Amino acid sequence: MNSSFVFRQMLIAITCTLVMFDNGFQDGWATPSIPELESEDSNISVTGGQISWIIAFLHVGIAVGPFVAFYLMEKIGRKWTLVCSAVPKILAWLLIAFAPNYWVLYLARFLAGIGSGITLTVTPIYIGEVADKKMRGPMSTTIAVMINVGTLVVYAIGLYVSRMTLALTCLSVPIIFLLTFIWMPESPMYLVKNKRITDAEMVLKWSLVKENVEDELEEIKRYVYRDDDTKQQSIWKNAGEIVSRRGNRKALRITLICFSGLMLSGNVPVLSYQAEIFKRAHLNISTNFSVIGAGLSLVVAGWVCVSIVKFTGKRTLLLISAPFTAFFLAAIALYFTLEEYGAEVDSVNWIPLVCMVGYVVFYALGLDSMAYAYQGEVFPDNVKALSAMICSLFYAILGVVTVQLFQILWDNYDIEVPLWVFAGFTTIMWAIIYVIVPETEGKSLEVIQRELHEEKTTKQIISRASSLIFT
């Protein structure tokens, strides 16, 4: 494979996903910040319920962001919509740095969520449309890797500096994104859709590092003009397209299952409250060291995912990731259950740390990455914007629900109960993924659409369900 080709494809992916690096900052911000907010030295007085809403308001904003993205994406393009997402992110970090009370933190997290909602909606689409089919898998999984790296960095810095210093440090990333991504190309599919064929050809020549791009340009034209009569329909008519067409229903089902696997693994509350979990385990090593170790594991596993997805495929990684994620959650839950019933567990208090590392490794290996990858490639162009909005909204709702559910179960029972619940959810999602989610790695967008609209996929689902139940 041409080195210049790989370099330009990954340059696009890394520059584009710098904004996802900031998403990782926001996702991980709560872990080092919760202990500071609860300390006696904090200038902001908060209760446990208020802390859960400080975490959850990020996902309330994420629920709003897709509506903004849906409007802007077709008006100004994928690229400039991503550029606009940096604005609420910059405002959010400034508010976090100087917040005098928890209401300002609510507002800051809400604004951060709007920016994150835009990026979660548009980034998979942008990468899916710019990437060559040979590079789409690694480039799409870069989204989750950059989120994970951002999470690790905010752990490493935030555990040792003040809230203001952390926020002002994080502020640099959306600014760097603005200064670099403006030089990247617009999606060739968006350009073709808007009759800018010459511009699309120039983008393809640059991104693919080849002069003759006629075949690629013709494939994009076939893909974009497949249902040309529906391109300018209203949101309600496009919603009808998703519901009425077999392939679109399958695509939505696949992506919502992947996002369910991602969120019902309990990633948001478990990672946000991991410092509290480690304290509860009475570890003999520093809680800060444990949190950073878990964050580093998240990053390493994400890079492994990027490196091997071309060879293993997305579906295989999901089927490996889900059961092991559930197992390690259940192991942590079992430890705290035995402790609750008076068993002597102090001699094995390393179990929560080891199992937390195992949890984040296998979570990052598949569940964390594949939802974004599938979202960017299974929908036809005429419903891509609406479907991305639906997926991001679904992600946001599950984020709020899982955080509140975790807090309620912990307050009313104990820490092991929400861990058992999410282990059960993840096990169920593994079975559903096995039955329904197909392999798409290495296939062109046109081939994926053709296969989704074929009736044989329904027969495959029935066959897999039968094998799961009766073998």
Protein backbone atom coordinates (compact mmCIF):
# COMPACT_ATOMS: atom_id res chain seq x y z
CA MET A 1 0.00 0.00 0.00
CA ASN A 2 1.41 3.41 -1.03
CA SER A 3 2.94 5.19 1.98
CA SER A 4 1.76 8.62 0.78
CA PHE A 5 -1.77 7.26 0.48
CA VAL A 6 -1.73 5.87 4.04
CA PHE A 7 -0.20 9.11 5.36
CA ARG A 8 -2.88 11.33 3.82
CA GLN A 9 -5.72 9.06 4.88
CA MET A 10 -4.48 8.95 8.47
CA LEU A 11 -3.71 12.69 8.43
CA ILE A 12 -7.37 13.31 7.63
CA ALA A 13 -8.48 10.89 10.35
CA ILE A 14 -6.21 12.27 13.08
CA THR A 15 -6.85 15.94 12.26
CA CYS A 16 -10.59 15.35 12.07
CA THR A 17 -10.68 13.37 15.31
CA LEU A 18 -8.78 15.99 17.33
CA VAL A 19 -12.26 17.20 18.18
CA MET A 20 -12.98 13.71 19.53
CA PHE A 21 -9.86 14.09 21.69
CA ASP A 22 -11.78 16.90 23.39
CA ASN A 23 -14.79 14.59 23.72
CA GLY A 24 -12.48 12.31 25.69
CA PHE A 25 -11.53 15.23 27.92
CA GLN A 26 -15.19 15.82 28.70
CA ASP A 27 -15.92 12.11 29.19
CA GLY A 28 -13.00 11.72 31.59
CA TRP A 29 -13.27 15.09 33.34
CA ALA A 30 -15.62 13.79 36.04
CA THR A 31 -13.21 11.12 37.32
CA PRO A 32 -10.55 13.49 38.71
CA SER A 33 -13.04 16.30 39.37
CA ILE A 34 -15.58 14.47 41.54
CA PRO A 35 -13.16 14.00 44.48
CA GLU A 36 -12.15 17.68 44.25
CA LEU A 37 -15.78 18.86 44.19
CA GLU A 38 -16.56 16.67 47.23
CA SER A 39 -13.56 17.88 49.21
CA GLU A 40 -13.82 20.46 51.98
CA ASP A 41 -11.51 22.81 50.05
CA SER A 42 -13.87 23.05 47.06
CA ASN A 43 -15.35 26.48 46.35
CA ILE A 44 -18.50 24.75 45.09
CA SER A 45 -20.74 22.82 47.49
CA VAL A 46 -22.39 19.79 45.83
CA THR A 47 -24.44 16.77 46.86
CA GLY A 48 -24.26 13.26 45.41
CA GLY A 49 -27.37 13.94 43.32
CA GLN A 50 -25.93 17.18 41.95
CA ILE A 51 -22.71 15.39 41.00
CA SER A 52 -24.69 12.79 39.07
CA TRP A 53 -26.36 15.62 37.12
CA ILE A 54 -23.03 17.33 36.48
CA ILE A 55 -22.02 14.07 34.81
CA ALA A 56 -25.38 13.58 33.08
CA PHE A 57 -25.76 17.12 31.70
CA LEU A 58 -23.02 16.30 29.20
CA HIS A 59 -25.41 13.74 27.71
CA VAL A 60 -28.36 16.13 27.85
CA GLY A 61 -26.31 18.43 25.61
CA ILE A 62 -25.36 15.49 23.40
CA ALA A 63 -29.10 14.96 22.87
CA VAL A 64 -29.39 18.52 21.50
CA GLY A 65 -26.22 18.53 19.38
CA PRO A 66 -27.53 16.15 16.68
CA PHE A 67 -30.39 18.54 15.82
CA VAL A 68 -27.85 21.31 15.24
CA ALA A 69 -25.71 18.93 13.19
CA PHE A 70 -28.67 17.74 11.14
CA TYR A 71 -29.40 21.31 10.04
CA LEU A 72 -25.82 22.44 9.43
CA MET A 73 -24.53 19.30 7.75
CA GLU A 74 -26.62 19.77 4.62
CA LYS A 75 -26.36 23.57 4.62
CA ILE A 76 -22.63 24.18 5.04
CA GLY A 77 -21.16 20.69 4.67
CA ARG A 78 -19.60 18.10 6.93
CA LYS A 79 -16.28 19.90 7.31
CA TRP A 80 -17.62 23.30 8.37
CA THR A 81 -20.17 21.74 10.72
CA LEU A 82 -17.28 20.09 12.55
CA VAL A 83 -15.49 23.44 12.66
CA CYS A 84 -18.58 25.00 14.26
CA SER A 85 -18.62 22.29 16.95
CA ALA A 86 -15.47 23.78 18.47
CA VAL A 87 -17.31 26.95 19.55
CA PRO A 88 -19.49 25.45 22.37
CA LYS A 89 -16.52 23.33 23.42
CA ILE A 90 -14.35 26.41 23.92
CA LEU A 91 -17.11 28.16 25.88
CA ALA A 92 -17.61 25.08 28.05
CA TRP A 93 -13.98 24.93 29.20
CA LEU A 94 -13.99 28.64 30.05
CA LEU A 95 -17.13 28.18 32.17
CA ILE A 96 -15.70 25.12 33.92
CA ALA A 97 -12.51 27.02 34.72
CA PHE A 98 -14.29 29.94 36.37
CA ALA A 99 -17.57 28.37 37.60
CA PRO A 100 -18.68 29.84 40.98
CA ASN A 101 -21.46 27.28 41.57
CA TYR A 102 -22.87 24.00 40.30
CA TRP A 103 -25.44 25.75 38.08
CA VAL A 104 -22.61 27.13 35.93
CA LEU A 105 -21.11 23.64 35.80
CA TYR A 106 -24.48 22.36 34.58
CA LEU A 107 -24.43 24.98 31.79
CA ALA A 108 -20.80 24.23 30.93
CA ARG A 109 -21.42 20.51 30.65
CA PHE A 110 -24.55 21.14 28.58
CA LEU A 111 -22.58 23.29 26.11
CA ALA A 112 -19.83 20.67 26.00
CA GLY A 113 -22.51 18.12 25.24
CA ILE A 114 -23.85 20.16 22.32
CA GLY A 115 -20.35 20.26 20.83
CA SER A 116 -19.87 16.56 21.50
CA GLY A 117 -23.28 15.75 20.01
CA ILE A 118 -22.35 17.54 16.81
CA THR A 119 -19.03 15.74 16.54
CA LEU A 120 -20.50 12.32 17.38
CA THR A 121 -23.05 12.84 14.61
CA VAL A 122 -20.82 14.25 11.88
CA THR A 123 -17.38 12.70 12.42
CA PRO A 124 -18.38 9.10 11.50
CA ILE A 125 -20.12 10.42 8.39
CA TYR A 126 -17.16 12.59 7.36
CA ILE A 127 -14.66 9.76 7.80
CA GLY A 128 -16.97 7.23 6.13
CA GLU A 129 -17.27 9.50 3.08
CA VAL A 130 -13.64 10.61 2.82
CA ALA A 131 -11.91 7.29 3.61
CA ASP A 132 -10.98 4.72 1.01
CA LYS A 133 -12.72 1.39 1.61
CA LYS A 134 -9.36 -0.22 2.51
CA MET A 135 -8.79 2.38 5.25
CA ARG A 136 -12.32 2.99 6.48
CA GLY A 137 -12.10 0.46 9.31
CA PRO A 138 -8.88 1.81 10.88
CA MET A 139 -9.92 5.43 10.26
CA SER A 140 -13.36 4.93 11.81
CA THR A 141 -11.98 3.22 14.90
CA THR A 142 -9.62 6.18 15.33
CA ILE A 143 -12.69 8.04 16.66
CA ALA A 144 -12.84 5.88 19.78
CA VAL A 145 -9.05 5.81 20.14
CA MET A 146 -8.87 9.61 20.24
CA ILE A 147 -11.67 9.71 22.82
CA ASN A 148 -9.73 7.18 24.90
CA VAL A 149 -6.46 9.10 24.61
CA GLY A 150 -8.27 12.26 25.70
CA THR A 151 -9.71 10.39 28.66
CA LEU A 152 -6.25 9.16 29.70
CA VAL A 153 -4.71 12.63 29.38
CA VAL A 154 -7.41 14.26 31.49
CA TYR A 155 -6.91 11.56 34.14
CA ALA A 156 -3.15 12.08 34.17
CA ILE A 157 -3.39 15.87 34.43
CA GLY A 158 -6.62 16.31 36.38
CA LEU A 159 -5.63 14.15 39.33
CA TYR A 160 -2.74 16.51 40.14
CA VAL A 161 -3.94 20.03 39.21
CA SER A 162 -6.84 22.30 40.10
CA ARG A 163 -10.12 22.43 38.20
CA MET A 164 -9.17 25.79 36.67
CA THR A 165 -5.74 24.61 35.49
CA LEU A 166 -7.23 21.44 34.02
CA ALA A 167 -9.94 23.35 32.14
CA LEU A 168 -7.54 25.92 30.70
CA THR A 169 -5.20 23.13 29.59
CA CYS A 170 -8.06 21.29 27.89
CA LEU A 171 -9.10 24.53 26.18
CA SER A 172 -6.05 24.25 23.91
CA VAL A 173 -7.36 21.20 22.04
CA PRO A 174 -10.48 22.69 20.34
CA ILE A 175 -8.35 25.72 19.45
CA ILE A 176 -5.68 23.49 17.84
CA PHE A 177 -8.45 21.63 16.04
CA LEU A 178 -9.74 24.89 14.56
CA LEU A 179 -6.28 25.87 13.35
CA THR A 180 -5.59 22.52 11.66
CA PHE A 181 -8.85 21.06 10.42
CA ILE A 182 -9.77 24.10 8.32
CA TRP A 183 -7.08 22.92 5.87
CA MET A 184 -8.66 19.49 5.39
CA PRO A 185 -10.94 18.72 2.39
CA GLU A 186 -14.72 18.61 2.31
CA SER A 187 -16.43 15.23 1.87
CA PRO A 188 -16.44 14.28 -1.86
CA MET A 189 -19.95 12.85 -1.45
CA TYR A 190 -21.24 16.19 -0.16
CA LEU A 191 -19.53 17.92 -3.09
CA VAL A 192 -21.05 15.52 -5.64
CA LYS A 193 -24.45 15.89 -4.00
CA ASN A 194 -24.16 19.67 -4.50
CA LYS A 195 -23.04 19.30 -8.15
CA ARG A 196 -19.43 20.33 -7.39
CA ILE A 197 -17.97 17.49 -9.44
CA THR A 198 -14.64 19.17 -10.19
CA ASP A 199 -14.05 19.91 -6.51
CA ALA A 200 -14.93 16.32 -5.62
CA GLU A 201 -12.46 15.04 -8.21
CA MET A 202 -9.70 17.23 -6.75
CA VAL A 203 -10.42 15.94 -3.23
CA LEU A 204 -10.25 12.33 -4.43
CA LYS A 205 -6.97 12.92 -6.25
CA TRP A 206 -5.44 14.45 -3.13
CA SER A 207 -6.78 11.99 -0.56
CA LEU A 208 -6.16 8.86 -2.68
CA VAL A 209 -2.82 10.10 -4.09
CA LYS A 210 -3.68 9.17 -7.67
CA GLU A 211 -4.46 11.04 -10.84
CA ASN A 212 -7.08 8.72 -12.33
CA VAL A 213 -10.08 8.72 -9.99
CA GLU A 214 -12.82 8.13 -12.56
CA ASP A 215 -13.88 4.78 -11.06
CA GLU A 216 -14.11 6.22 -7.54
CA LEU A 217 -15.99 9.29 -8.77
CA GLU A 218 -18.49 7.17 -10.70
CA GLU A 219 -19.08 4.96 -7.67
CA ILE A 220 -19.80 8.04 -5.55
CA LYS A 221 -22.22 9.33 -8.21
CA ARG A 222 -24.08 6.01 -8.26
CA TYR A 223 -24.24 5.98 -4.47
CA VAL A 224 -25.38 9.62 -4.17
CA TYR A 225 -27.88 9.56 -7.04
CA ARG A 226 -29.33 6.14 -6.18
CA ASP A 227 -32.43 7.77 -4.70
CA ASP A 228 -32.03 11.27 -6.05
CA ASP A 229 -35.71 12.03 -5.84
CA THR A 230 -35.57 11.79 -2.05
CA LYS A 231 -32.50 13.97 -1.44
CA GLN A 232 -34.33 17.17 -0.63
CA GLN A 233 -37.24 15.68 1.24
CA SER A 234 -38.29 16.89 4.66
CA ILE A 235 -37.17 15.26 7.87
CA TRP A 236 -40.52 13.46 8.13
CA LYS A 237 -40.30 12.02 4.63
CA ASN A 238 -36.72 10.90 5.27
CA ALA A 239 -37.94 9.30 8.49
CA GLY A 240 -40.47 7.48 6.33
CA GLU A 241 -37.60 6.32 4.11
CA ILE A 242 -35.91 4.75 7.14
CA VAL A 243 -39.08 3.01 8.25
CA SER A 244 -40.37 1.86 4.86
CA ARG A 245 -37.19 0.50 3.26
CA ARG A 246 -35.83 -2.89 4.32
CA GLY A 247 -32.16 -1.91 4.06
CA ASN A 248 -32.64 1.30 6.04
CA ARG A 249 -34.47 -0.50 8.82
CA LYS A 250 -31.67 -3.05 9.03
CA ALA A 251 -29.05 -0.29 9.09
CA LEU A 252 -30.83 1.50 11.95
CA ARG A 253 -31.25 -1.75 13.84
CA ILE A 254 -27.55 -2.57 13.49
CA THR A 255 -26.34 0.83 14.69
CA LEU A 256 -28.76 1.07 17.61
CA ILE A 257 -27.68 -2.39 18.76
CA CYS A 258 -24.02 -1.33 18.60
CA PHE A 259 -24.73 1.87 20.55
CA SER A 260 -26.75 -0.15 23.08
CA GLY A 261 -23.76 -2.44 23.56
CA LEU A 262 -21.52 0.60 24.01
CA MET A 263 -23.70 2.35 26.61
CA LEU A 264 -25.30 -0.58 28.45
CA SER A 265 -21.82 -1.82 29.33
CA GLY A 266 -22.02 0.97 31.91
CA ASN A 267 -19.00 2.77 30.50
CA VAL A 268 -20.09 6.29 31.49
CA PRO A 269 -20.88 5.72 35.19
CA VAL A 270 -18.27 2.99 35.75
CA LEU A 271 -15.41 5.08 34.35
CA SER A 272 -16.71 8.28 35.97
CA TYR A 273 -16.93 6.67 39.41
CA GLN A 274 -13.86 4.43 39.15
CA ALA A 275 -11.91 6.51 41.70
CA GLU A 276 -14.71 5.88 44.20
CA ILE A 277 -14.70 2.17 43.32
CA PHE A 278 -10.95 1.93 43.95
CA LYS A 279 -11.29 3.76 47.28
CA ARG A 280 -14.04 1.36 48.32
CA ALA A 281 -11.71 -1.58 47.58
CA HIS A 282 -9.05 -0.23 50.02
CA LEU A 283 -6.24 -0.77 47.54
CA ASN A 284 -2.68 -0.83 48.82
CA ILE A 285 -1.57 1.36 45.92
CA SER A 286 -2.50 4.93 45.04
CA THR A 287 -6.01 5.50 43.70
CA ASN A 288 -4.53 8.00 41.24
CA PHE A 289 -2.13 5.34 39.95
CA SER A 290 -5.03 2.90 39.55
CA VAL A 291 -7.13 5.41 37.59
CA ILE A 292 -4.22 6.28 35.26
CA GLY A 293 -3.45 2.58 34.79
CA ALA A 294 -7.04 1.93 33.72
CA GLY A 295 -6.90 4.92 31.35
CA LEU A 296 -3.66 3.68 29.80
CA SER A 297 -5.22 0.25 29.27
CA LEU A 298 -8.13 1.95 27.49
CA VAL A 299 -5.75 3.66 25.06
CA VAL A 300 -3.58 0.61 24.36
CA ALA A 301 -6.60 -1.61 23.68
CA GLY A 302 -8.02 1.06 21.37
CA TRP A 303 -4.83 1.13 19.32
CA VAL A 304 -4.84 -2.66 19.14
CA CYS A 305 -8.39 -2.43 17.78
CA VAL A 306 -7.28 0.01 15.06
CA SER A 307 -4.36 -2.25 14.15
CA ILE A 308 -6.25 -5.52 13.82
CA VAL A 309 -9.75 -4.55 12.64
CA LYS A 310 -8.72 -4.86 8.96
CA PHE A 311 -7.79 -8.50 9.57
CA THR A 312 -10.40 -9.62 12.09
CA GLY A 313 -13.38 -7.57 10.96
CA LYS A 314 -15.70 -5.49 13.12
CA ARG A 315 -18.19 -8.23 14.01
CA THR A 316 -15.49 -10.57 15.37
CA LEU A 317 -14.11 -7.86 17.66
CA LEU A 318 -17.60 -7.15 18.98
CA LEU A 319 -18.16 -10.83 19.72
CA ILE A 320 -14.86 -11.01 21.61
CA SER A 321 -15.36 -7.71 23.41
CA ALA A 322 -18.87 -8.10 24.84
CA PRO A 323 -18.60 -11.37 26.85
CA PHE A 324 -15.26 -10.45 28.42
CA THR A 325 -16.54 -6.97 29.30
CA ALA A 326 -19.51 -8.59 31.06
CA PHE A 327 -17.23 -11.10 32.82
CA PHE A 328 -14.95 -8.46 34.36
CA LEU A 329 -17.90 -6.33 35.46
CA ALA A 330 -19.42 -9.37 37.11
CA ALA A 331 -16.09 -10.15 38.83
CA ILE A 332 -15.96 -6.65 40.38
CA ALA A 333 -19.60 -7.00 41.42
CA LEU A 334 -18.88 -10.39 42.99
CA TYR A 335 -15.99 -8.93 45.02
CA PHE A 336 -18.20 -6.23 46.53
CA THR A 337 -21.06 -8.72 47.06
CA LEU A 338 -18.78 -10.99 49.09
CA GLU A 339 -17.56 -7.96 51.04
CA GLU A 340 -21.15 -6.92 51.73
CA TYR A 341 -21.95 -10.35 53.19
CA GLY A 342 -18.94 -10.27 55.51
CA ALA A 343 -16.45 -12.39 53.57
CA GLU A 344 -12.74 -11.69 54.13
CA VAL A 345 -11.64 -10.00 50.89
CA ASP A 346 -8.88 -7.65 52.07
CA SER A 347 -6.21 -10.17 51.05
CA VAL A 348 -7.47 -10.06 47.46
CA ASN A 349 -8.30 -6.35 47.25
CA TRP A 350 -6.30 -6.21 44.01
CA ILE A 351 -9.22 -7.89 42.22
CA PRO A 352 -11.19 -4.66 41.50
CA LEU A 353 -8.09 -3.05 39.93
CA VAL A 354 -7.19 -6.05 37.79
CA CYS A 355 -10.80 -6.54 36.72
CA MET A 356 -11.25 -2.82 35.99
CA VAL A 357 -8.22 -3.00 33.68
CA GLY A 358 -9.69 -6.12 32.07
CA TYR A 359 -13.03 -4.37 31.71
CA VAL A 360 -11.60 -1.31 29.93
CA VAL A 361 -9.29 -3.43 27.72
CA PHE A 362 -12.08 -5.59 26.30
CA TYR A 363 -14.56 -2.71 26.23
CA ALA A 364 -12.10 -0.66 24.16
CA LEU A 365 -11.30 -3.61 21.91
CA GLY A 366 -14.75 -3.65 20.33
CA LEU A 367 -17.80 -2.16 22.04
CA ASP A 368 -16.18 1.27 22.36
CA SER A 369 -15.24 1.62 18.69
CA MET A 370 -17.59 -0.26 16.41
CA ALA A 371 -20.79 1.73 16.88
CA TYR A 372 -19.18 4.78 15.23
CA ALA A 373 -17.66 2.63 12.47
CA TYR A 374 -21.00 1.01 11.58
CA GLN A 375 -22.85 4.33 11.78
CA GLY A 376 -20.56 5.87 9.17
CA GLU A 377 -21.06 3.18 6.54
CA VAL A 378 -24.42 1.36 6.71
CA PHE A 379 -26.82 4.19 5.77
CA PRO A 380 -27.53 5.50 2.24
CA ASP A 381 -26.79 9.15 1.59
CA ASN A 382 -30.39 10.37 1.57
CA VAL A 383 -31.00 9.35 5.21
CA LYS A 384 -27.44 9.63 6.54
CA ALA A 385 -27.94 12.96 8.33
CA LEU A 386 -31.21 11.91 9.97
CA SER A 387 -29.87 8.50 10.97
CA ALA A 388 -26.78 10.11 12.53
CA MET A 389 -29.07 12.41 14.52
CA ILE A 390 -31.13 9.43 15.72
CA CYS A 391 -28.01 7.50 16.76
CA SER A 392 -26.52 10.43 18.66
CA LEU A 393 -29.84 11.13 20.38
CA PHE A 394 -30.12 7.47 21.34
CA TYR A 395 -26.55 7.55 22.68
CA ALA A 396 -27.32 10.66 24.74
CA ILE A 397 -30.53 9.26 26.24
CA LEU A 398 -28.76 6.06 27.26
CA GLY A 399 -25.96 8.16 28.76
CA VAL A 400 -28.37 10.02 31.04
CA VAL A 401 -30.30 6.85 31.90
CA THR A 402 -27.22 4.78 32.77
CA VAL A 403 -25.70 7.50 34.97
CA GLN A 404 -28.93 8.06 36.90
CA LEU A 405 -29.64 4.32 37.14
CA PHE A 406 -26.15 3.70 38.51
CA GLN A 407 -26.53 6.46 41.12
CA ILE A 408 -30.04 5.35 42.19
CA LEU A 409 -29.05 1.69 42.56
CA TRP A 410 -25.88 2.64 44.46
CA ASP A 411 -27.78 4.97 46.83
CA ASN A 412 -30.61 2.54 47.51
CA TYR A 413 -28.65 -0.73 47.58
CA ASP A 414 -24.87 -0.74 47.17
CA ILE A 415 -22.15 -0.51 44.53
CA GLU A 416 -22.37 -4.19 43.52
CA VAL A 417 -26.01 -3.93 42.37
CA PRO A 418 -25.49 -1.55 39.41
CA LEU A 419 -22.38 -3.54 38.43
CA TRP A 420 -24.41 -6.77 38.30
CA VAL A 421 -27.11 -4.99 36.29
CA PHE A 422 -24.69 -3.70 33.65
CA ALA A 423 -22.93 -7.08 33.45
CA GLY A 424 -26.32 -8.61 32.69
CA PHE A 425 -27.13 -5.97 30.08
CA THR A 426 -23.79 -6.56 28.33
CA THR A 427 -24.37 -10.32 28.22
CA ILE A 428 -27.75 -9.78 26.60
CA MET A 429 -26.22 -7.38 24.06
CA TRP A 430 -23.57 -9.97 23.17
CA ALA A 431 -26.31 -12.43 22.19
CA ILE A 432 -28.16 -9.78 20.17
CA ILE A 433 -24.96 -8.72 18.36
CA TYR A 434 -24.25 -12.37 17.49
CA VAL A 435 -27.68 -12.79 15.96
CA ILE A 436 -28.16 -9.49 14.11
CA VAL A 437 -24.96 -7.52 13.40
CA PRO A 438 -23.27 -8.42 10.05
CA GLU A 439 -19.68 -7.96 8.89
CA THR A 440 -18.95 -4.89 6.73
CA GLU A 441 -15.16 -4.63 6.90
CA GLY A 442 -13.43 -4.18 3.52
CA LYS A 443 -16.69 -3.65 1.59
CA SER A 444 -17.51 -0.55 -0.42
CA LEU A 445 -20.48 1.58 0.63
CA GLU A 446 -22.30 0.49 -2.52
CA VAL A 447 -21.83 -3.23 -1.73
CA ILE A 448 -22.95 -2.71 1.88
CA GLN A 449 -26.18 -1.08 0.66
CA ARG A 450 -26.85 -3.87 -1.82
CA GLU A 451 -26.38 -6.55 0.84
CA LEU A 452 -28.56 -4.76 3.40
CA HIS A 453 -31.42 -4.64 0.92
CA GLU A 454 -31.16 -8.34 0.12
CA GLU A 455 -33.59 -10.74 1.77
CA LYS A 456 -30.84 -13.25 2.63
CA THR A 457 -29.76 -11.21 5.64
CA THR A 458 -33.10 -12.04 7.30
CA LYS A 459 -32.42 -15.74 6.75
CA GLN A 460 -28.95 -15.30 8.25
CA ILE A 461 -30.46 -13.74 11.37
CA ILE A 462 -32.88 -16.66 11.79
CA SER A 463 -30.04 -19.14 11.31
CA ARG A 464 -27.81 -17.42 13.89
CA ALA A 465 -30.64 -17.19 16.42
CA SER A 466 -31.38 -20.89 16.00
CA SER A 467 -27.72 -21.83 16.46
CA LEU A 468 -27.46 -19.68 19.60
CA ILE A 469 -30.58 -21.19 21.18
CA PHE A 470 -30.30 -24.84 20.17
CA THR A 471 -26.54 -25.51 20.27
